[in-house]
Amino acid sequence: MTAAETQRELVVPAQRNPESPQTGRAPLLVVVGTDVHPFDRLLDWTARWAEENGVPCVMQYGSSAPRDLPGSSAFFDHATLGVRLREAAMVVCHGGPATITEARRAGHIPVVVPRDPTLGEHVDDHQQRFAAHMGEAGMVRLCRTEESLRAVLDAALVEPEALRLDTAEASAESAAAVRRVGDLIDTLASARRRHADEEVRVLFIGGWGRSGSTLTDRLLGQAPDVCAVGEVTHTWERALRDNERCGCGVRFRDCDFWGQVGKVAYGGWDTLDVEHVLALKHRVDRMRFVPRLALPFWANRRKRDLRTYGELHRKLYQAVAEVSGSSVVVDSSKHASLAFALRHARGIDFRVLHLVRDGRAVAYSWSREVLRPEIVDAEVYMPTYSTVSSGLHWLVHNALFHLLDWVGTPVLRMRYEDFVAAPADGLRRIRGFSDLPTGKMDMLDRPAATAEGLPTAQLAATHTVAGNPMRFTTGALTLRLDAAWRAKLAARKRRVLSLITWPLRARYGYLDWRKK
């Protein structure tokens, strides 16, 4: 909607009737607009408040669950909406420009709760940004949480005029309001077009766990043009819900870096409903969904969820890049299901580093108990896997990244053993794949500090949300391949693993028939 189109639709407001003829008391009017996405969150918030305070409530509930309230309906025609606005004592609405403007024409300062695309309430975040601009201009009361909504409505019960414009004021400012709203729409539309041309570059480290992804993530993250944030897939439950420790050593919610990322990405972490996000993840990001995620986007059944999930991650990656000032964000989540989901995301330049390690070494690592130091309130260990289970997981997960390559996602495949033996060469290959300069590796190009002449690295703390316990390691680190499995893995288990993992070990060059 342009400013000119908005101007044509508006007329001078009529006199408001302060009382509802049905109840004798002016009701609270809730409007969610005509969008196809449900907005039950807003309806539930206002219904609870109205019931607790004995305030009559009229709802236009759209595609949300029907509400059995007098005067309520899925949709109002323009004339009926005008009547409802004039009868209302207060108006709570979504962040749609037309609804906000109509409410102000009727003499209200609307209380606005914008739809959130991360909760499946819209296809994008234009309501979030538009409502933020309107709030800053003083044209609406912006609320993003149920608590803030209650506070505004409670205050309005005490001082009703706080949310009202008198008729003369509404009439006088009508033309100016149209121009201001139209200008905001045009400004945001231009910003959206510019933003669409800017993609955040993400290097996703994929494979099966215990394949060296945390070390690779840490080394990549030492460069100033790279921000390595660990396993983003665990952000929602381990970091945001459980408040586990960041790689810098403090709890997630106490970390200044992640606090700023949350503000830039979502307007603050508290605006996200963690349970909604986890439910969305459960609907999209699971291994059993990979076959359909490998299909073209138009062939997927859950297009809306897939778009919402992709936008959730795009905002996070974009905020990480903005706050850190980096050119590339490294996500070492490894999960094939997340990689397949994000290949459909808009606004992400998505590239995959497929990191592989000998399946027998991986299985031995998974058999050992490893304490999770990020949990400070209890003694919790990382999961363990049996020989057969680990071998099968290794085979399936690595095979899926070949499928990801086959469907057109850029993939660089690298053996962990080769990376550790020549880390500078490995880093140059990875940086070249990520379109980054491949010059001197300052953290590696130094004389070896060990008698064995092994390469060393200098590690500074990074803000990782999950990963192997070595993500907390700082200072000098000797890069040495862990080959303990060759001596400690039982012969029977080794034979079983050799059989299970044989097809891909052969492909990766782990079978050397010249050696026993």
Protein backbone atom coordinates (compact mmCIF):
# COMPACT_ATOMS: atom_id res chain seq x y z
CA MET A 1 0.00 0.00 0.00
CA THR A 2 1.46 3.35 -1.05
CA ALA A 3 0.79 6.73 0.53
CA ALA A 4 -1.47 7.69 -2.38
CA GLU A 5 -3.52 4.48 -2.03
CA THR A 6 -3.90 5.07 1.70
CA GLN A 7 -5.07 8.67 1.08
CA ARG A 8 -7.85 7.49 -1.28
CA GLU A 9 -9.21 4.99 1.25
CA LEU A 10 -9.57 7.34 4.23
CA VAL A 11 -12.40 9.71 5.15
CA VAL A 12 -12.98 12.08 8.08
CA PRO A 13 -14.04 10.02 11.14
CA ALA A 14 -17.57 10.09 12.48
CA GLN A 15 -18.49 10.74 16.11
CA ARG A 16 -17.66 7.79 18.41
CA ASN A 17 -20.36 6.26 20.59
CA PRO A 18 -18.67 5.64 23.96
CA GLU A 19 -20.99 2.81 25.01
CA SER A 20 -21.83 -0.59 23.58
CA PRO A 21 -25.61 -0.95 23.10
CA GLN A 22 -25.37 -4.64 23.98
CA THR A 23 -23.71 -4.31 27.41
CA GLY A 24 -24.07 -0.71 28.44
CA ARG A 25 -20.29 -0.56 28.79
CA ALA A 26 -17.81 0.25 26.05
CA PRO A 27 -16.02 -2.94 25.02
CA LEU A 28 -12.45 -3.82 24.22
CA LEU A 29 -12.15 -4.40 20.48
CA VAL A 30 -9.55 -6.86 19.18
CA VAL A 31 -8.75 -6.92 15.43
CA VAL A 32 -6.37 -9.43 13.79
CA GLY A 33 -7.00 -8.52 10.13
CA THR A 34 -7.57 -10.74 7.12
CA ASP A 35 -4.23 -12.56 6.88
CA VAL A 36 -4.51 -16.33 6.33
CA HIS A 37 -2.23 -17.09 9.28
CA PRO A 38 -3.88 -17.59 12.70
CA PHE A 39 -3.11 -15.13 15.49
CA ASP A 40 -4.46 -17.00 18.53
CA ARG A 41 -1.65 -15.62 20.70
CA LEU A 42 -3.11 -12.11 20.65
CA LEU A 43 -6.68 -13.35 21.09
CA ASP A 44 -5.72 -15.53 24.07
CA TRP A 45 -3.80 -12.69 25.76
CA THR A 46 -6.67 -10.21 25.45
CA ALA A 47 -9.35 -12.78 26.37
CA ARG A 48 -7.57 -13.62 29.62
CA TRP A 49 -7.14 -9.96 30.55
CA ALA A 50 -10.76 -9.06 29.68
CA GLU A 51 -12.16 -11.95 31.72
CA GLU A 52 -10.01 -11.15 34.74
CA ASN A 53 -11.04 -7.48 34.67
CA GLY A 54 -14.72 -7.90 33.75
CA VAL A 55 -14.34 -5.98 30.49
CA PRO A 56 -16.65 -6.92 27.59
CA CYS A 57 -14.67 -7.97 24.54
CA VAL A 58 -15.47 -8.03 20.83
CA MET A 59 -13.10 -9.92 18.53
CA GLN A 60 -12.48 -10.04 14.81
CA TYR A 61 -10.62 -13.35 14.85
CA GLY A 62 -9.89 -14.01 11.17
CA SER A 63 -8.28 -17.40 10.52
CA SER A 64 -7.76 -18.05 14.22
CA ALA A 65 -9.91 -20.32 16.38
CA PRO A 66 -13.50 -18.95 16.52
CA ARG A 67 -14.42 -16.95 19.63
CA ASP A 68 -17.94 -17.20 21.02
CA LEU A 69 -18.29 -13.61 22.16
CA PRO A 70 -21.21 -11.23 21.45
CA GLY A 71 -20.61 -9.14 18.36
CA SER A 72 -17.53 -11.13 17.34
CA SER A 73 -16.94 -12.50 13.86
CA ALA A 74 -14.20 -13.92 11.67
CA PHE A 75 -14.32 -10.79 9.51
CA PHE A 76 -16.05 -7.39 9.52
CA ASP A 77 -16.95 -5.48 6.40
CA HIS A 78 -15.73 -1.90 6.27
CA ALA A 79 -18.95 -0.38 7.60
CA THR A 80 -19.20 -2.85 10.48
CA LEU A 81 -15.59 -2.32 11.41
CA GLY A 82 -16.25 1.43 11.55
CA VAL A 83 -19.18 0.88 13.91
CA ARG A 84 -17.16 -1.45 16.15
CA LEU A 85 -14.30 1.06 16.32
CA ARG A 86 -16.63 3.89 17.30
CA GLU A 87 -18.27 1.74 20.01
CA ALA A 88 -14.98 0.52 21.51
CA ALA A 89 -13.35 1.92 24.61
CA MET A 90 -9.94 0.52 23.61
CA VAL A 91 -8.56 -1.11 20.47
CA VAL A 92 -5.96 -3.87 20.39
CA CYS A 93 -4.84 -4.96 16.95
CA HIS A 94 -2.17 -6.58 14.81
CA GLY A 95 0.51 -4.53 13.08
CA GLY A 96 -1.32 -4.01 9.78
CA PRO A 97 -1.07 -0.44 8.42
CA ALA A 98 -4.73 -0.25 7.34
CA THR A 99 -6.07 -1.42 10.73
CA ILE A 100 -3.84 0.99 12.64
CA THR A 101 -4.90 3.91 10.45
CA GLU A 102 -8.61 3.05 10.75
CA ALA A 103 -8.30 2.88 14.54
CA ARG A 104 -6.69 6.32 14.69
CA ARG A 105 -9.35 7.74 12.39
CA ALA A 106 -11.94 6.55 14.92
CA GLY A 107 -10.15 8.43 17.69
CA HIS A 108 -8.07 5.62 19.22
CA ILE A 109 -4.41 5.24 19.95
CA PRO A 110 -4.32 1.52 19.15
CA VAL A 111 -2.45 -1.00 21.26
CA VAL A 112 -0.46 -3.01 18.71
CA VAL A 113 0.90 -6.54 18.97
CA PRO A 114 2.64 -7.29 15.65
CA ARG A 115 2.47 -10.76 14.13
CA ASP A 116 5.64 -12.83 14.54
CA PRO A 117 6.74 -14.90 11.52
CA THR A 118 8.85 -17.16 13.75
CA LEU A 119 5.60 -18.33 15.38
CA GLY A 120 3.84 -18.98 12.07
CA GLU A 121 1.75 -15.80 12.33
CA HIS A 122 2.97 -14.24 9.08
CA VAL A 123 5.24 -14.94 6.13
CA ASP A 124 7.76 -12.20 7.03
CA ASP A 125 8.60 -9.57 9.63
CA HIS A 126 7.15 -6.45 7.99
CA GLN A 127 4.58 -6.00 10.79
CA GLN A 128 7.35 -6.17 13.38
CA ARG A 129 9.31 -3.41 11.69
CA PHE A 130 6.29 -1.26 10.78
CA ALA A 131 4.91 -1.42 14.32
CA ALA A 132 8.34 -0.51 15.73
CA HIS A 133 8.42 2.63 13.56
CA MET A 134 4.86 3.54 14.56
CA GLY A 135 5.71 3.03 18.22
CA GLU A 136 8.74 5.29 17.97
CA ALA A 137 6.57 7.94 16.29
CA GLY A 138 4.09 7.77 19.20
CA MET A 139 1.21 6.72 16.95
CA VAL A 140 0.59 3.37 18.68
CA ARG A 141 1.33 1.63 21.99
CA LEU A 142 3.62 -1.21 20.96
CA CYS A 143 3.51 -4.45 23.00
CA ARG A 144 5.52 -7.58 22.29
CA THR A 145 4.75 -9.64 25.39
CA GLU A 146 1.61 -10.49 27.35
CA GLU A 147 3.06 -8.68 30.37
CA SER A 148 3.55 -5.41 28.47
CA LEU A 149 0.05 -5.69 26.97
CA ARG A 150 -1.47 -6.15 30.42
CA ALA A 151 0.43 -3.15 31.75
CA VAL A 152 -0.91 -0.86 29.00
CA LEU A 153 -4.50 -2.08 29.38
CA ASP A 154 -4.35 -1.86 33.18
CA ALA A 155 -3.19 1.74 32.92
CA ALA A 156 -6.01 2.50 30.46
CA LEU A 157 -8.60 1.26 32.97
CA VAL A 158 -7.33 3.86 35.42
CA GLU A 159 -6.93 6.62 32.81
CA PRO A 160 -9.11 5.82 29.74
CA GLU A 161 -8.13 9.01 27.93
CA ALA A 162 -4.55 7.75 27.65
CA LEU A 163 -5.56 5.64 24.63
CA ARG A 164 -7.93 8.15 23.01
CA LEU A 165 -7.76 11.02 20.57
CA ASP A 166 -10.66 13.44 20.74
CA THR A 167 -12.74 13.77 17.59
CA ALA A 168 -11.38 17.19 16.65
CA GLU A 169 -7.80 15.98 17.05
CA ALA A 170 -8.50 12.83 15.03
CA SER A 171 -10.10 14.86 12.24
CA ALA A 172 -7.34 17.46 12.19
CA GLU A 173 -4.56 14.94 12.02
CA SER A 174 -6.28 12.59 9.57
CA ALA A 175 -4.50 13.86 6.46
CA ALA A 176 -1.18 14.16 8.27
CA ALA A 177 -1.56 10.66 9.67
CA VAL A 178 -2.18 9.31 6.19
CA ARG A 179 0.99 10.93 4.92
CA ARG A 180 3.04 9.68 7.91
CA VAL A 181 1.74 6.13 7.56
CA GLY A 182 2.26 6.19 3.81
CA ASP A 183 5.81 7.48 4.22
CA LEU A 184 6.57 4.70 6.68
CA ILE A 185 5.16 2.08 4.32
CA ASP A 186 7.22 3.40 1.42
CA THR A 187 10.37 3.59 3.57
CA LEU A 188 9.95 0.05 4.84
CA ALA A 189 9.18 -1.27 1.38
CA SER A 190 12.42 0.27 0.09
CA ALA A 191 14.32 -1.20 3.03
CA ARG A 192 12.82 -4.62 2.32
CA ARG A 193 13.92 -4.44 -1.30
CA ARG A 194 17.47 -3.50 -0.26
CA HIS A 195 17.50 -6.24 2.38
CA ALA A 196 16.37 -8.85 -0.15
CA ASP A 197 19.50 -8.16 -2.16
CA GLU A 198 21.75 -8.78 0.86
CA GLU A 199 22.35 -12.38 1.88
CA VAL A 200 24.17 -13.48 5.01
CA ARG A 201 26.95 -15.94 4.19
CA VAL A 202 26.81 -19.07 6.36
CA LEU A 203 29.32 -21.92 6.46
CA PHE A 204 27.57 -24.94 7.91
CA ILE A 205 29.81 -27.75 9.23
CA GLY A 206 28.02 -31.03 8.60
CA GLY A 207 28.65 -34.69 9.34
CA TRP A 208 28.30 -37.03 12.30
CA GLY A 209 29.35 -35.96 15.81
CA ARG A 210 32.88 -36.44 17.18
CA SER A 211 34.35 -35.75 13.75
CA GLY A 212 36.33 -32.66 14.75
CA SER A 213 33.73 -29.98 14.06
CA THR A 214 34.34 -28.07 17.30
CA LEU A 215 38.08 -27.75 16.70
CA THR A 216 37.48 -26.68 13.10
CA ASP A 217 34.87 -24.18 14.26
CA ARG A 218 37.26 -22.75 16.86
CA LEU A 219 40.17 -22.35 14.42
CA LEU A 220 37.97 -20.70 11.79
CA GLY A 221 36.54 -18.35 14.41
CA GLN A 222 39.95 -16.91 15.33
CA ALA A 223 39.94 -14.81 12.15
CA PRO A 224 38.33 -11.35 12.47
CA ASP A 225 36.19 -11.82 9.35
CA VAL A 226 34.60 -15.03 10.68
CA CYS A 227 32.24 -15.48 13.61
CA ALA A 228 31.95 -19.10 14.76
CA VAL A 229 28.96 -19.62 17.06
CA GLY A 230 28.99 -23.36 17.67
CA GLU A 231 25.93 -25.57 17.19
CA VAL A 232 23.08 -23.20 16.44
CA THR A 233 20.60 -26.08 16.37
CA HIS A 234 20.81 -26.23 20.19
CA THR A 235 20.29 -22.48 20.73
CA TRP A 236 16.60 -22.74 21.48
CA GLU A 237 16.64 -25.36 24.23
CA ARG A 238 20.16 -25.41 25.70
CA ALA A 239 20.93 -21.69 25.50
CA LEU A 240 17.62 -19.83 25.47
CA ARG A 241 15.51 -22.19 27.61
CA ASP A 242 18.11 -23.82 29.88
CA ASN A 243 20.50 -20.83 30.02
CA GLU A 244 23.64 -22.98 29.70
CA ARG A 245 27.11 -21.45 29.45
CA CYS A 246 28.36 -19.66 26.36
CA GLY A 247 31.86 -20.47 25.11
CA CYS A 248 33.04 -17.24 26.74
CA GLY A 249 32.31 -18.82 30.13
CA VAL A 250 29.19 -16.96 31.30
CA ARG A 251 25.60 -18.10 31.07
CA PHE A 252 23.83 -17.40 27.79
CA ARG A 253 21.49 -14.73 29.16
CA ASP A 254 24.39 -12.97 30.88
CA CYS A 255 26.52 -12.84 27.72
CA ASP A 256 26.62 -9.31 26.27
CA PHE A 257 27.29 -10.63 22.77
CA TRP A 258 24.23 -12.88 22.69
CA GLY A 259 22.13 -10.22 24.38
CA GLN A 260 22.92 -7.81 21.56
CA VAL A 261 22.31 -10.52 18.94
CA GLY A 262 18.87 -11.17 20.41
CA LYS A 263 17.97 -7.48 20.25
CA VAL A 264 19.08 -7.12 16.64
CA ALA A 265 17.48 -10.37 15.49
CA TYR A 266 14.16 -10.39 17.31
CA GLY A 267 13.90 -7.22 19.36
CA GLY A 268 15.07 -9.19 22.39
CA TRP A 269 15.10 -12.88 23.28
CA ASP A 270 12.00 -12.44 25.44
CA THR A 271 9.91 -11.79 22.33
CA LEU A 272 10.40 -15.44 21.31
CA ASP A 273 8.12 -18.13 22.69
CA VAL A 274 10.63 -20.95 23.14
CA GLU A 275 7.99 -23.67 23.19
CA HIS A 276 6.53 -22.39 19.91
CA VAL A 277 9.99 -22.38 18.36
CA LEU A 278 10.68 -25.94 19.55
CA ALA A 279 7.29 -27.06 18.20
CA LEU A 280 8.17 -25.49 14.85
CA LYS A 281 11.52 -27.26 14.90
CA HIS A 282 9.76 -30.55 15.62
CA ARG A 283 7.51 -30.04 12.58
CA VAL A 284 10.37 -29.25 10.19
CA ASP A 285 13.81 -30.26 11.43
CA ARG A 286 13.84 -34.05 11.89
CA MET A 287 15.85 -36.77 10.20
CA ARG A 288 12.76 -38.57 8.92
CA PHE A 289 11.79 -35.42 6.96
CA VAL A 290 15.05 -35.30 4.98
CA PRO A 291 13.65 -37.16 1.92
CA ARG A 292 10.96 -34.55 1.39
CA LEU A 293 13.31 -31.68 2.27
CA ALA A 294 15.51 -32.91 -0.58
CA LEU A 295 12.64 -32.14 -2.97
CA PRO A 296 12.17 -28.72 -4.57
CA PHE A 297 10.47 -26.20 -2.29
CA TRP A 298 7.19 -26.27 -4.23
CA ALA A 299 6.91 -30.04 -3.63
CA ASN A 300 7.11 -29.75 0.17
CA ARG A 301 3.90 -30.06 2.18
CA ARG A 302 5.01 -27.76 5.00
CA LYS A 303 5.97 -24.72 2.95
CA ARG A 304 4.77 -22.21 5.54
CA ASP A 305 6.64 -23.88 8.39
CA LEU A 306 9.73 -24.23 6.23
CA ARG A 307 9.70 -20.52 5.35
CA THR A 308 9.14 -19.54 8.99
CA TYR A 309 11.95 -21.80 10.20
CA GLY A 310 14.31 -20.44 7.57
CA GLU A 311 13.45 -16.84 8.49
CA LEU A 312 14.05 -17.61 12.18
CA HIS A 313 17.60 -18.72 11.36
CA ARG A 314 18.22 -15.96 8.80
CA LYS A 315 17.49 -13.32 11.42
CA LEU A 316 19.84 -15.02 13.86
CA TYR A 317 22.70 -15.39 11.38
CA GLN A 318 22.20 -11.82 10.11
CA ALA A 319 22.32 -10.45 13.65
CA VAL A 320 25.47 -12.45 14.46
CA ALA A 321 27.16 -11.03 11.36
CA GLU A 322 26.04 -7.50 12.20
CA VAL A 323 27.04 -7.58 15.87
CA SER A 324 30.40 -9.27 15.23
CA GLY A 325 31.19 -7.34 12.05
CA SER A 326 32.11 -10.59 10.31
CA SER A 327 31.69 -11.63 6.68
CA VAL A 328 30.92 -15.30 7.37
CA VAL A 329 29.01 -17.00 10.17
CA VAL A 330 30.10 -20.57 11.00
CA ASP A 331 27.42 -22.94 12.31
CA SER A 332 28.81 -26.32 13.41
CA SER A 333 25.40 -27.91 14.05
CA LYS A 334 26.29 -30.93 11.84
CA HIS A 335 22.66 -32.12 11.64
CA ALA A 336 21.71 -33.13 8.11
CA SER A 337 18.04 -32.32 8.73
CA LEU A 338 18.86 -28.68 9.58
CA ALA A 339 21.10 -28.37 6.53
CA PHE A 340 18.33 -29.65 4.25
CA ALA A 341 15.80 -27.27 5.84
CA LEU A 342 18.08 -24.23 5.48
CA ARG A 343 18.84 -24.92 1.84
CA HIS A 344 15.33 -23.57 1.16
CA ALA A 345 15.79 -20.42 3.28
CA ARG A 346 15.68 -17.00 1.70
CA GLY A 347 18.42 -14.48 2.41
CA ILE A 348 21.09 -17.06 3.31
CA ASP A 349 24.14 -17.79 1.14
CA PHE A 350 24.34 -21.36 2.44
CA ARG A 351 27.52 -23.40 2.04
CA VAL A 352 28.45 -26.70 3.67
CA LEU A 353 31.78 -28.02 4.91
CA HIS A 354 31.29 -31.79 5.07
CA LEU A 355 33.82 -32.91 7.68
CA VAL A 356 34.52 -36.66 7.81
CA ARG A 357 36.59 -38.81 10.14
CA ASP A 358 37.31 -42.54 10.18
CA GLY A 359 34.09 -44.16 11.38
CA ARG A 360 35.97 -46.44 13.78
CA ALA A 361 37.62 -43.48 15.52
CA VAL A 362 34.24 -41.76 15.75
CA ALA A 363 32.58 -44.85 17.26
CA TYR A 364 35.31 -45.19 19.87
CA SER A 365 34.88 -41.52 20.83
CA TRP A 366 31.11 -41.98 21.22
CA SER A 367 31.69 -44.93 23.58
CA ARG A 368 33.46 -42.73 26.16
CA GLU A 369 31.69 -40.73 28.85
CA VAL A 370 32.31 -37.00 28.46
CA LEU A 371 31.14 -34.44 31.02
CA ARG A 372 29.23 -31.40 29.76
CA PRO A 373 30.91 -28.42 31.51
CA GLU A 374 28.37 -25.93 30.18
CA ILE A 375 25.87 -27.25 32.74
CA VAL A 376 26.90 -25.77 36.08
CA ASP A 377 23.99 -26.87 38.28
CA ALA A 378 24.36 -30.63 37.79
CA GLU A 379 26.75 -33.31 36.59
CA VAL A 380 25.52 -34.24 33.11
CA TYR A 381 27.34 -36.33 30.52
CA MET A 382 27.10 -36.32 26.75
CA PRO A 383 25.20 -39.31 25.28
CA THR A 384 27.01 -42.51 24.33
CA TYR A 385 26.31 -44.92 21.46
CA SER A 386 26.86 -48.61 20.96
CA THR A 387 29.23 -49.88 18.28
CA VAL A 388 26.50 -50.79 15.80
CA SER A 389 24.42 -47.68 16.47
CA SER A 390 27.39 -45.35 16.04
CA GLY A 391 28.50 -47.09 12.84
CA LEU A 392 25.05 -46.83 11.29
CA HIS A 393 24.65 -43.17 12.31
CA TRP A 394 28.06 -42.39 10.79
CA LEU A 395 27.08 -44.08 7.53
CA VAL A 396 23.64 -42.49 7.21
CA HIS A 397 24.59 -38.95 8.23
CA ASN A 398 27.57 -38.79 5.90
CA ALA A 399 25.56 -40.30 3.03
CA LEU A 400 22.94 -37.57 3.44
CA PHE A 401 25.54 -34.87 2.86
CA HIS A 402 26.35 -36.53 -0.45
CA LEU A 403 22.63 -36.22 -1.25
CA LEU A 404 22.74 -32.54 -0.22
CA ASP A 405 25.60 -32.05 -2.66
CA TRP A 406 23.67 -33.89 -5.37
CA VAL A 407 20.59 -31.62 -5.04
CA GLY A 408 22.71 -28.52 -5.65
CA THR A 409 23.92 -27.15 -2.30
CA PRO A 410 27.60 -26.06 -2.42
CA VAL A 411 29.59 -28.67 -0.44
CA LEU A 412 33.30 -28.89 0.36
CA ARG A 413 34.34 -32.32 1.67
CA MET A 414 37.39 -32.64 3.92
CA ARG A 415 38.92 -35.38 6.05
CA TYR A 416 39.53 -34.37 9.66
CA GLU A 417 42.80 -36.33 9.71
CA ASP A 418 44.11 -34.22 6.82
CA PHE A 419 42.96 -31.01 8.48
CA VAL A 420 44.82 -31.76 11.73
CA ALA A 421 47.98 -32.83 9.88
CA ALA A 422 48.10 -29.59 7.85
CA PRO A 423 45.72 -27.09 9.48
CA ALA A 424 47.00 -24.04 7.58
CA ASP A 425 46.31 -25.74 4.25
CA GLY A 426 42.89 -26.86 5.48
CA LEU A 427 41.96 -23.38 6.64
CA ARG A 428 42.99 -21.88 3.32
CA ARG A 429 40.82 -24.38 1.44
CA ILE A 430 37.84 -23.63 3.66
CA ARG A 431 38.30 -19.85 3.48
CA GLY A 432 38.63 -20.03 -0.30
CA PHE A 433 35.40 -22.04 -0.45
CA SER A 434 33.77 -19.31 1.67
CA ASP A 435 35.05 -16.51 -0.63
CA LEU A 436 37.41 -15.17 2.05
CA PRO A 437 41.08 -14.15 1.64
CA THR A 438 43.45 -17.11 1.95
CA GLY A 439 46.63 -15.41 3.11
CA LYS A 440 48.64 -15.79 6.29
CA MET A 441 47.06 -17.79 9.13
CA ASP A 442 48.23 -15.75 12.12
CA MET A 443 47.06 -18.26 14.71
CA LEU A 444 49.05 -21.08 13.04
CA ASP A 445 52.04 -19.67 11.16
CA ARG A 446 54.46 -19.78 14.08
CA PRO A 447 57.25 -22.16 15.16
CA ALA A 448 55.92 -25.37 16.71
CA ALA A 449 56.03 -25.26 20.48
CA THR A 450 56.29 -29.01 20.98
CA ALA A 451 59.25 -31.39 20.83
CA GLU A 452 57.36 -33.50 18.28
CA GLY A 453 57.18 -30.54 15.93
CA LEU A 454 53.38 -30.63 15.89
CA PRO A 455 51.40 -27.58 14.74
CA THR A 456 50.01 -25.33 17.46
CA ALA A 457 47.21 -22.81 17.60
CA GLN A 458 46.48 -19.84 19.82
CA LEU A 459 42.80 -19.86 20.79
CA ALA A 460 40.89 -16.88 22.14
CA ALA A 461 37.42 -17.34 23.63
CA THR A 462 34.52 -17.47 21.18
CA HIS A 463 30.78 -17.16 21.74
CA THR A 464 29.66 -20.72 21.00
CA VAL A 465 26.25 -21.95 22.17
CA ALA A 466 26.98 -25.71 22.13
CA GLY A 467 29.63 -28.22 21.10
CA ASN A 468 32.43 -30.39 22.41
CA PRO A 469 33.86 -29.31 25.82
CA MET A 470 37.04 -28.10 24.07
CA ARG A 471 35.05 -25.02 23.02
CA PHE A 472 36.00 -23.64 26.45
CA THR A 473 39.74 -24.15 25.80
CA THR A 474 41.83 -21.00 25.39
CA GLY A 475 45.53 -20.30 24.92
CA ALA A 476 48.08 -22.51 23.16
CA LEU A 477 46.70 -25.79 21.81
CA THR A 478 48.80 -28.55 20.25
CA LEU A 479 47.02 -30.04 17.24
CA ARG A 480 47.46 -33.77 17.62
CA LEU A 481 45.34 -36.48 16.01
CA ASP A 482 43.62 -38.67 18.61
CA ALA A 483 44.45 -42.21 17.48
CA ALA A 484 43.74 -43.97 20.78
CA TRP A 485 41.06 -46.07 19.11
CA ARG A 486 43.72 -48.06 17.24
CA ALA A 487 45.01 -49.51 20.51
CA LYS A 488 41.90 -49.43 22.71
CA LEU A 489 39.03 -50.42 20.42
CA ALA A 490 38.27 -54.12 20.94
CA ALA A 491 39.08 -56.35 17.97
CA ARG A 492 35.51 -57.63 17.63
CA LYS A 493 34.04 -54.10 17.65
CA ARG A 494 36.66 -52.99 15.19
CA ARG A 495 35.68 -55.77 12.77
CA VAL A 496 31.98 -54.91 13.09
CA LEU A 497 32.64 -51.21 12.51
CA SER A 498 34.93 -51.94 9.57
CA LEU A 499 32.11 -53.89 7.93
CA ILE A 500 29.36 -51.31 8.62
CA THR A 501 31.36 -48.28 7.54
CA TRP A 502 33.25 -49.92 4.65
CA PRO A 503 31.33 -48.29 1.73
CA LEU A 504 32.07 -44.69 2.68
CA ARG A 505 35.47 -45.36 4.23
CA ALA A 506 36.49 -46.65 0.83
CA ARG A 507 35.13 -43.51 -0.82
CA TYR A 508 37.01 -41.26 1.62
CA GLY A 509 40.30 -43.09 1.17
CA TYR A 510 40.50 -44.79 4.57
CA LEU A 511 41.15 -48.21 3.01
CA ASP A 512 44.83 -48.62 2.23
CA TRP A 513 45.39 -52.16 0.98
CA ARG A 514 49.15 -51.70 1.20
CA LYS A 515 48.92 -51.77 5.01
CA LYS A 516 47.61 -54.46 7.30
